[in-house]
Protein backbone atom coordinates (compact mmCIF):
# COMPACT_ATOMS: atom_id res chain seq x y z
CA UNK A 1 35.56 -20.59 -40.25
CA UNK A 2 34.48 -18.14 -37.57
CA UNK A 3 37.49 -15.90 -38.22
CA UNK A 4 36.60 -15.60 -41.89
CA UNK A 5 32.98 -14.86 -40.98
CA UNK A 6 34.15 -12.21 -38.50
CA UNK A 7 36.27 -10.59 -41.24
CA UNK A 8 33.35 -10.62 -43.69
CA UNK A 9 31.05 -9.11 -41.06
CA UNK A 10 33.57 -6.33 -40.38
CA UNK A 11 34.03 -5.76 -44.10
CA UNK A 12 30.26 -5.51 -44.60
CA UNK A 13 29.97 -3.17 -41.63
CA UNK A 14 32.65 -0.81 -42.94
CA UNK A 15 31.38 -0.75 -46.51
CA UNK A 16 27.79 -0.12 -45.42
CA UNK A 17 28.82 2.69 -43.08
CA UNK A 18 30.91 4.32 -45.81
CA UNK A 19 27.95 4.15 -48.20
CA UNK A 20 25.58 5.53 -45.58
CA UNK A 21 27.91 8.43 -44.81
CA UNK A 22 28.39 9.27 -48.49
CA UNK A 23 24.71 8.94 -49.40
CA UNK A 24 23.72 10.97 -46.33
CA UNK A 25 25.34 14.13 -47.69
CA UNK A 26 22.93 14.36 -50.63
CA UNK A 27 20.02 12.11 -49.78
CA UNK A 28 19.37 12.42 -46.06
CA UNK A 29 15.65 11.52 -46.37
CA UNK A 30 16.67 8.28 -48.14
CA UNK A 31 19.04 7.36 -45.31
CA UNK A 32 16.39 8.24 -42.74
CA UNK A 33 13.90 5.98 -44.50
CA UNK A 34 16.14 3.05 -45.42
CA UNK A 35 19.07 3.32 -43.01
CA UNK A 36 17.50 0.60 -40.90
CA UNK A 37 18.81 -1.90 -43.47
CA UNK A 38 22.20 -1.46 -41.79
CA UNK A 39 20.68 -2.97 -38.65
CA UNK A 40 20.17 -6.24 -40.53
CA UNK A 41 23.86 -6.88 -39.87
CA UNK A 42 22.63 -8.15 -36.52
CA UNK A 43 21.55 -11.36 -38.26
CA UNK A 44 25.02 -12.39 -39.47
CA UNK A 45 26.51 -11.05 -36.22
CA UNK A 46 24.34 -13.42 -34.21
CA UNK A 47 25.31 -16.24 -36.56
CA UNK A 48 29.04 -15.48 -36.13
CA UNK A 49 28.51 -15.26 -32.38
CA UNK A 50 26.98 -18.74 -32.54
CA UNK A 51 29.99 -19.94 -34.56
CA UNK A 52 32.60 -18.61 -32.13
CA UNK A 53 30.83 -19.98 -29.07
CA UNK A 54 32.18 -23.42 -30.00
CA UNK A 55 35.78 -22.23 -30.29
CA UNK A 56 37.53 -22.52 -26.94
CA UNK A 57 40.14 -19.82 -27.60
CA UNK A 58 37.83 -17.11 -28.99
CA UNK A 59 36.44 -15.11 -26.04
CA UNK A 60 37.67 -11.88 -27.66
CA UNK A 61 35.48 -12.52 -30.69
CA UNK A 62 32.48 -12.99 -28.44
CA UNK A 63 33.26 -9.77 -26.57
CA UNK A 64 33.60 -7.69 -29.75
CA UNK A 65 30.49 -9.27 -31.26
CA UNK A 66 28.54 -8.34 -28.13
CA UNK A 67 29.87 -4.77 -28.43
CA UNK A 68 28.82 -4.72 -32.09
CA UNK A 69 25.34 -6.00 -31.25
CA UNK A 70 24.97 -3.43 -28.46
CA UNK A 71 26.06 -0.73 -30.92
CA UNK A 72 23.43 -1.90 -33.42
CA UNK A 73 20.82 -1.94 -30.66
CA UNK A 74 21.73 1.61 -29.62
CA UNK A 75 21.69 2.76 -33.25
CA UNK A 76 18.30 1.17 -33.83
CA UNK A 77 16.71 2.52 -30.67
CA UNK A 78 18.09 6.05 -30.90
CA UNK A 79 17.69 6.60 -34.64
CA UNK A 80 14.70 4.51 -35.66
CA UNK A 81 12.56 3.71 -32.61
CA UNK A 82 12.84 6.74 -30.33
CA UNK A 83 14.04 9.10 -33.13
CA UNK A 84 16.13 11.11 -30.69
CA UNK A 85 18.57 13.76 -31.96
CA UNK A 86 21.25 12.22 -29.76
CA UNK A 87 24.15 13.54 -31.82
CA UNK A 88 23.48 16.99 -30.34
CA UNK A 89 23.40 15.75 -26.73
CA UNK A 90 26.83 14.92 -25.28
CA UNK A 91 25.35 12.72 -22.56
CA UNK A 92 23.93 10.39 -25.19
CA UNK A 93 26.58 10.94 -27.85
CA UNK A 94 29.58 9.98 -25.69
CA UNK A 95 28.52 6.36 -24.94
CA UNK A 96 27.38 5.99 -28.56
CA UNK A 97 30.79 7.11 -29.85
CA UNK A 98 32.58 4.83 -27.40
CA UNK A 99 30.58 1.90 -28.79
CA UNK A 100 31.24 3.02 -32.37
CA UNK A 101 35.00 3.29 -31.95
CA UNK A 102 35.24 0.12 -29.86
CA UNK A 103 33.24 -1.81 -32.44
CA UNK A 104 35.52 -0.61 -35.24
CA UNK A 105 38.62 -1.29 -33.13
CA UNK A 106 37.44 -4.86 -32.64
CA UNK A 107 36.94 -5.43 -36.34
CA UNK A 108 40.41 -4.06 -37.10
CA UNK A 109 42.47 -5.64 -34.33
CA UNK A 110 40.85 -9.09 -34.29
CA UNK A 111 41.26 -9.41 -38.05
CA UNK A 112 44.83 -8.05 -37.89
CA UNK A 113 45.78 -10.79 -35.39
CA UNK A 114 44.98 -13.41 -38.01
CA UNK A 115 46.01 -11.66 -41.22
CA UNK A 116 48.09 -8.52 -41.48
CA UNK A 117 46.85 -7.86 -45.03
CA UNK A 118 43.19 -8.11 -44.01
CA UNK A 119 43.90 -6.00 -40.93
CA UNK A 120 45.44 -3.27 -43.07
CA UNK A 121 42.38 -3.42 -45.34
CA UNK A 122 40.08 -3.02 -42.32
CA UNK A 123 42.17 -0.09 -41.05
CA UNK A 124 42.07 1.57 -44.49
CA UNK A 125 38.29 1.14 -44.61
CA UNK A 126 38.02 2.69 -41.15
CA UNK A 127 40.05 5.71 -42.31
CA UNK A 128 37.76 6.05 -45.34
CA UNK A 129 34.82 5.73 -42.96
CA UNK A 130 36.17 8.60 -40.85
CA UNK A 131 36.81 10.81 -43.87
CA UNK A 132 33.31 10.13 -45.22
CA UNK A 133 31.78 10.71 -41.79
CA UNK A 134 33.60 13.98 -41.08
CA UNK A 135 32.96 15.35 -44.56
CA UNK A 136 29.21 14.72 -44.44
CA UNK A 137 28.29 15.53 -40.85
């Protein structure tokens, strides 16, 4: 159950990020106003974290969920609370990028361990995410 929820959370994360990156290129004010909706993924992430806490052999899921929640916290604080242009400051951007790539790595590798097909899907979505990100930033 928790593995399926983890996959669905990763799928939602990737699809939302792809949409945000694509929409950002033409409608930046829209993303700045409504991008906080992405942060609502914290709700299912906390639920999945609660699910995996009862599984004795799932510490990796807990670790990657904590990384994801920390990433969402950083995103929320930097973009929506403090409104810092952190993407232009390497001291702030580097830890943010480490969280971003680690979070995506977790969603790919943990899903791949259970299902190769789903892992390949997550990897493909990450590649699309990167293409969308690089083409709009």
